[in-house]
């Protein structure tokens, strides 16, 4: 596994999740910054799946629940559209 690779990014996200890194992320500024950094790396990826994960991660750090729901809904729609386009 190459450092900075997409697989490495997936492992980093899974490790953070397994360690409880996404629990109460709004109350811990350091963890919120880490999640936002992971989100940026995902969203700059060429993989539709990682881009969707990036949007999901940023929605976890959004303090405004309405905005968070909007981001999550947009992510879900983009993911469905990307998979539908791949089938056509």
C-alpha atoms as a PDB file:
ATOM      1  CA  UNK A   1       0.000   0.000   0.000  1.00  0.00           C
ATOM      2  CA  UNK A   2       1.417   3.345  -1.070  1.00  0.00           C
ATOM      3  CA  UNK A   3       1.309   6.273   1.381  1.00  0.00           C
ATOM      4  CA  UNK A   4      -1.247   8.781   0.132  1.00  0.00           C
ATOM      5  CA  UNK A   5      -2.932   6.225  -2.126  1.00  0.00           C
ATOM      6  CA  UNK A   6      -6.702   5.833  -2.319  1.00  0.00           C
ATOM      7  CA  UNK A   7      -6.431   2.490  -0.523  1.00  0.00           C
ATOM      8  CA  UNK A   8      -4.379   4.174   2.198  1.00  0.00           C
ATOM      9  CA  UNK A   9      -7.086   6.819   2.519  1.00  0.00           C
ATOM     10  CA  UNK A  10      -9.762   4.140   2.909  1.00  0.00           C
ATOM     11  CA  UNK A  11      -7.678   2.403   5.584  1.00  0.00           C
ATOM     12  CA  UNK A  12      -7.157   5.711   7.401  1.00  0.00           C
ATOM     13  CA  UNK A  13     -10.913   6.420   7.417  1.00  0.00           C
ATOM     14  CA  UNK A  14     -11.748   2.893   8.589  1.00  0.00           C
ATOM     15  CA  UNK A  15      -9.128   3.097  11.330  1.00  0.00           C
ATOM     16  CA  UNK A  16     -10.489   6.422  12.531  1.00  0.00           C
ATOM     17  CA  UNK A  17     -14.023   4.997  12.553  1.00  0.00           C
ATOM     18  CA  UNK A  18     -12.915   1.882  14.455  1.00  0.00           C
ATOM     19  CA  UNK A  19     -11.221   4.085  17.057  1.00  0.00           C
ATOM     20  CA  UNK A  20     -14.434   6.106  17.546  1.00  0.00           C
ATOM     21  CA  UNK A  21     -12.960   9.132  15.810  1.00  0.00           C
ATOM     22  CA  UNK A  22     -16.290  10.257  14.411  1.00  0.00           C
ATOM     23  CA  UNK A  23     -18.163  10.242  17.720  1.00  0.00           C
ATOM     24  CA  UNK A  24     -18.913  13.770  18.993  1.00  0.00           C
ATOM     25  CA  UNK A  25     -16.609  15.187  16.334  1.00  0.00           C
ATOM     26  CA  UNK A  26     -18.238  18.614  16.674  1.00  0.00           C
ATOM     27  CA  UNK A  27     -17.054  18.964  20.263  1.00  0.00           C
ATOM     28  CA  UNK A  28     -13.402  18.156  19.570  1.00  0.00           C
ATOM     29  CA  UNK A  29     -11.785  20.779  17.320  1.00  0.00           C
ATOM     30  CA  UNK A  30      -8.670  18.702  16.665  1.00  0.00           C
ATOM     31  CA  UNK A  31     -10.697  15.699  15.516  1.00  0.00           C
ATOM     32  CA  UNK A  32     -12.998  17.929  13.495  1.00  0.00           C
ATOM     33  CA  UNK A  33      -9.964  19.347  11.696  1.00  0.00           C
ATOM     34  CA  UNK A  34      -8.706  15.793  11.046  1.00  0.00           C
ATOM     35  CA  UNK A  35     -12.081  14.718   9.634  1.00  0.00           C
ATOM     36  CA  UNK A  36     -12.253  17.820   7.445  1.00  0.00           C
ATOM     37  CA  UNK A  37      -8.733  17.101   6.141  1.00  0.00           C
ATOM     38  CA  UNK A  38      -9.755  13.527   5.317  1.00  0.00           C
ATOM     39  CA  UNK A  39     -12.852  14.900   3.632  1.00  0.00           C
ATOM     40  CA  UNK A  40     -10.779  17.209   1.433  1.00  0.00           C
ATOM     41  CA  UNK A  41      -8.506  14.355   0.408  1.00  0.00           C
ATOM     42  CA  UNK A  42     -11.517  12.212  -0.484  1.00  0.00           C
ATOM     43  CA  UNK A  43     -13.239  14.949  -2.451  1.00  0.00           C
ATOM     44  CA  UNK A  44     -10.095  15.623  -4.485  1.00  0.00           C
ATOM     45  CA  UNK A  45      -9.964  11.967  -5.500  1.00  0.00           C
ATOM     46  CA  UNK A  46     -10.919  10.691  -8.925  1.00  0.00           C
ATOM     47  CA  UNK A  47     -13.083   7.974  -7.383  1.00  0.00           C
ATOM     48  CA  UNK A  48     -16.826   8.632  -7.214  1.00  0.00           C
ATOM     49  CA  UNK A  49     -17.033   6.498  -4.089  1.00  0.00           C
ATOM     50  CA  UNK A  50     -14.347   8.474  -2.273  1.00  0.00           C
ATOM     51  CA  UNK A  51     -15.857  11.771  -3.383  1.00  0.00           C
ATOM     52  CA  UNK A  52     -19.166  10.645  -1.853  1.00  0.00           C
ATOM     53  CA  UNK A  53     -17.389   9.593   1.349  1.00  0.00           C
ATOM     54  CA  UNK A  54     -15.706  13.000   1.446  1.00  0.00           C
ATOM     55  CA  UNK A  55     -19.070  14.730   1.332  1.00  0.00           C
ATOM     56  CA  UNK A  56     -20.407  12.404   4.010  1.00  0.00           C
ATOM     57  CA  UNK A  57     -17.412  13.180   6.235  1.00  0.00           C
ATOM     58  CA  UNK A  58     -17.826  16.931   5.837  1.00  0.00           C
ATOM     59  CA  UNK A  59     -21.509  16.572   6.748  1.00  0.00           C
ATOM     60  CA  UNK A  60     -20.393  15.089  10.082  1.00  0.00           C
ATOM     61  CA  UNK A  61     -18.493  18.280  10.868  1.00  0.00           C
ATOM     62  CA  UNK A  62     -21.280  20.669   9.860  1.00  0.00           C
ATOM     63  CA  UNK A  63     -22.713  22.361  12.943  1.00  0.00           C
ATOM     64  CA  UNK A  64     -25.885  23.462  11.196  1.00  0.00           C
ATOM     65  CA  UNK A  65     -28.091  20.365  10.934  1.00  0.00           C
ATOM     66  CA  UNK A  66     -30.098  21.685   7.967  1.00  0.00           C
ATOM     67  CA  UNK A  67     -26.890  22.311   6.027  1.00  0.00           C
ATOM     68  CA  UNK A  68     -25.611  18.882   7.039  1.00  0.00           C
ATOM     69  CA  UNK A  69     -28.787  17.234   5.745  1.00  0.00           C
ATOM     70  CA  UNK A  70     -28.494  19.231   2.503  1.00  0.00           C
ATOM     71  CA  UNK A  71     -24.879  18.072   2.003  1.00  0.00           C
ATOM     72  CA  UNK A  72     -25.788  14.467   2.771  1.00  0.00           C
ATOM     73  CA  UNK A  73     -28.807  14.514   0.429  1.00  0.00           C
ATOM     74  CA  UNK A  74     -26.709  16.027  -2.358  1.00  0.00           C
ATOM     75  CA  UNK A  75     -24.048  13.378  -1.807  1.00  0.00           C
ATOM     76  CA  UNK A  76     -26.578  10.589  -1.975  1.00  0.00           C
ATOM     77  CA  UNK A  77     -28.036  11.971  -5.207  1.00  0.00           C
ATOM     78  CA  UNK A  78     -24.569  12.363  -6.773  1.00  0.00           C
ATOM     79  CA  UNK A  79     -23.665   8.812  -5.808  1.00  0.00           C
ATOM     80  CA  UNK A  80     -26.865   7.376  -7.277  1.00  0.00           C
ATOM     81  CA  UNK A  81     -26.362   9.433 -10.456  1.00  0.00           C
ATOM     82  CA  UNK A  82     -22.749   8.266 -10.835  1.00  0.00           C
ATOM     83  CA  UNK A  83     -23.726   4.614 -10.495  1.00  0.00           C
ATOM     84  CA  UNK A  84     -26.677   5.054 -12.858  1.00  0.00           C
ATOM     85  CA  UNK A  85     -24.426   6.697 -15.459  1.00  0.00           C
ATOM     86  CA  UNK A  86     -22.021   3.760 -15.232  1.00  0.00           C
ATOM     87  CA  UNK A  87     -24.788   1.323 -16.118  1.00  0.00           C
ATOM     88  CA  UNK A  88     -26.037   3.228 -19.161  1.00  0.00           C
END
